[in-house]
Protein backbone atom coordinates (compact mmCIF):
# COMPACT_ATOMS: atom_id res chain seq x y z
CA MET A 1 196.79 -89.69 73.28
CA GLY A 2 198.07 -91.57 76.34
CA ASP A 3 201.03 -93.05 74.44
CA LYS A 4 203.59 -90.27 75.02
CA PRO A 5 206.40 -91.40 77.34
CA VAL A 6 206.79 -87.84 78.73
CA ARG A 7 204.52 -84.81 79.09
CA ASP A 8 205.17 -81.08 79.01
CA HIS A 9 206.13 -79.70 82.45
CA GLU A 10 206.85 -83.20 83.83
CA GLU A 11 209.96 -83.49 86.02
CA LEU A 12 212.32 -86.42 85.47
CA ASP A 13 215.62 -87.75 86.70
CA VAL A 14 217.64 -88.47 83.56
CA THR A 15 221.02 -89.93 82.64
CA LEU A 16 223.23 -88.42 79.93
CA THR A 17 223.96 -90.93 77.17
CA LEU A 18 225.60 -88.72 74.53
CA VAL A 19 227.33 -85.34 74.60
CA SER A 20 227.51 -83.29 71.39
CA PRO A 21 228.60 -79.73 70.58
CA VAL A 22 224.97 -78.52 70.68
CA GLY A 23 223.56 -80.45 73.63
CA VAL A 24 223.12 -83.79 75.29
CA VAL A 25 220.93 -86.82 74.71
CA VAL A 26 219.43 -88.24 77.89
CA ASP A 27 217.70 -91.45 78.90
CA THR A 28 214.43 -90.67 80.70
CA GLY A 29 213.85 -94.29 81.64
CA ASP A 30 211.11 -94.70 79.01
CA ALA A 31 212.60 -92.81 76.07
CA GLU A 32 215.31 -90.44 74.94
CA GLY A 33 215.25 -86.69 75.40
CA PHE A 34 217.44 -83.78 74.36
CA ILE A 35 218.84 -80.95 76.48
CA GLY A 36 220.37 -78.10 74.50
CA LEU A 37 223.61 -76.80 75.99
CA ARG A 38 221.92 -73.51 76.92
CA LYS A 39 219.46 -75.53 79.02
CA HIS A 40 222.31 -77.26 80.90
CA PRO A 41 223.54 -75.53 84.11
CA SER A 42 227.18 -75.52 82.92
CA TRP A 43 226.28 -72.90 80.31
CA TRP A 44 225.33 -70.41 83.05
CA ASP A 45 227.44 -71.15 86.12
CA ASP A 46 230.42 -73.07 87.47
CA THR A 47 228.75 -76.47 87.09
CA ALA A 48 231.03 -79.05 85.47
CA PRO A 49 230.54 -79.62 81.73
CA PRO A 50 228.20 -82.49 80.85
CA GLU A 51 229.63 -86.00 80.67
CA VAL A 52 228.11 -89.33 79.67
CA GLY A 53 226.72 -91.01 82.78
CA ASP A 54 225.85 -87.76 84.59
CA ARG A 55 222.47 -87.77 86.35
CA LEU A 56 220.34 -84.64 86.18
CA HIS A 57 216.93 -83.50 87.34
CA ALA A 58 215.14 -82.02 84.33
CA VAL A 59 211.78 -80.81 83.11
CA VAL A 60 210.06 -81.44 79.79
CA LEU A 61 209.75 -78.23 77.77
CA ASP A 62 208.32 -79.62 74.53
CA ASP A 63 206.92 -83.14 74.31
CA SER A 64 205.92 -82.69 70.65
CA ARG A 65 209.53 -82.75 69.42
CA THR A 66 211.45 -85.90 68.56
CA PRO A 67 213.23 -86.40 70.83
CA PRO A 68 211.37 -84.33 73.45
CA ARG A 69 213.21 -81.18 74.57
CA LEU A 70 214.12 -80.87 78.24
CA SER A 71 215.83 -78.38 80.51
CA ALA A 72 217.96 -78.90 83.61
CA LEU A 73 217.80 -75.21 84.58
CA LYS A 74 216.38 -74.41 88.00
CA ASP A 75 214.29 -71.51 86.61
CA ASP A 76 212.62 -73.75 84.00
CA ILE A 77 211.85 -76.37 86.67
CA GLU A 78 210.31 -73.70 88.90
CA ILE A 79 208.20 -72.35 86.02
CA ALA A 80 206.90 -75.86 85.28
CA ARG A 81 205.99 -76.33 88.94
CA ARG A 82 204.02 -73.08 88.89
CA ILE A 83 202.23 -74.13 85.70
CA ARG A 84 201.30 -77.51 87.19
CA THR A 85 200.12 -75.85 90.43
CA GLU A 86 197.97 -73.35 88.51
CA GLY A 87 196.53 -76.15 86.37
CA SER A 88 197.47 -74.54 83.07
C-alpha cells in the first residue's frame, strides 16, 4: 500500500506539462496528475489561463484515479488542511 506517489489531501507544488480543453496535466515530481479546468483558479477569478510551465500549489482530491485528480483552488486546499488536522 505504500507505493502510491501521492495521497489524498496531500499538498504539492506542481508544474503544468499539458493544457487541454478539459483541464491540465501536471508533474508532481514523482508522477503525473490532472487538474480539471473547474479546479483551476482561472475558472473562478481573474487568474491568467493555464499555460505549460506554470507552477501551482495543489491538493490531491482523489489518489485512486489514473492520473490522480488534484485541485489548485484555495477552498479545496483549506478543506484538505482541516481534514488532515482532524485526522480523518
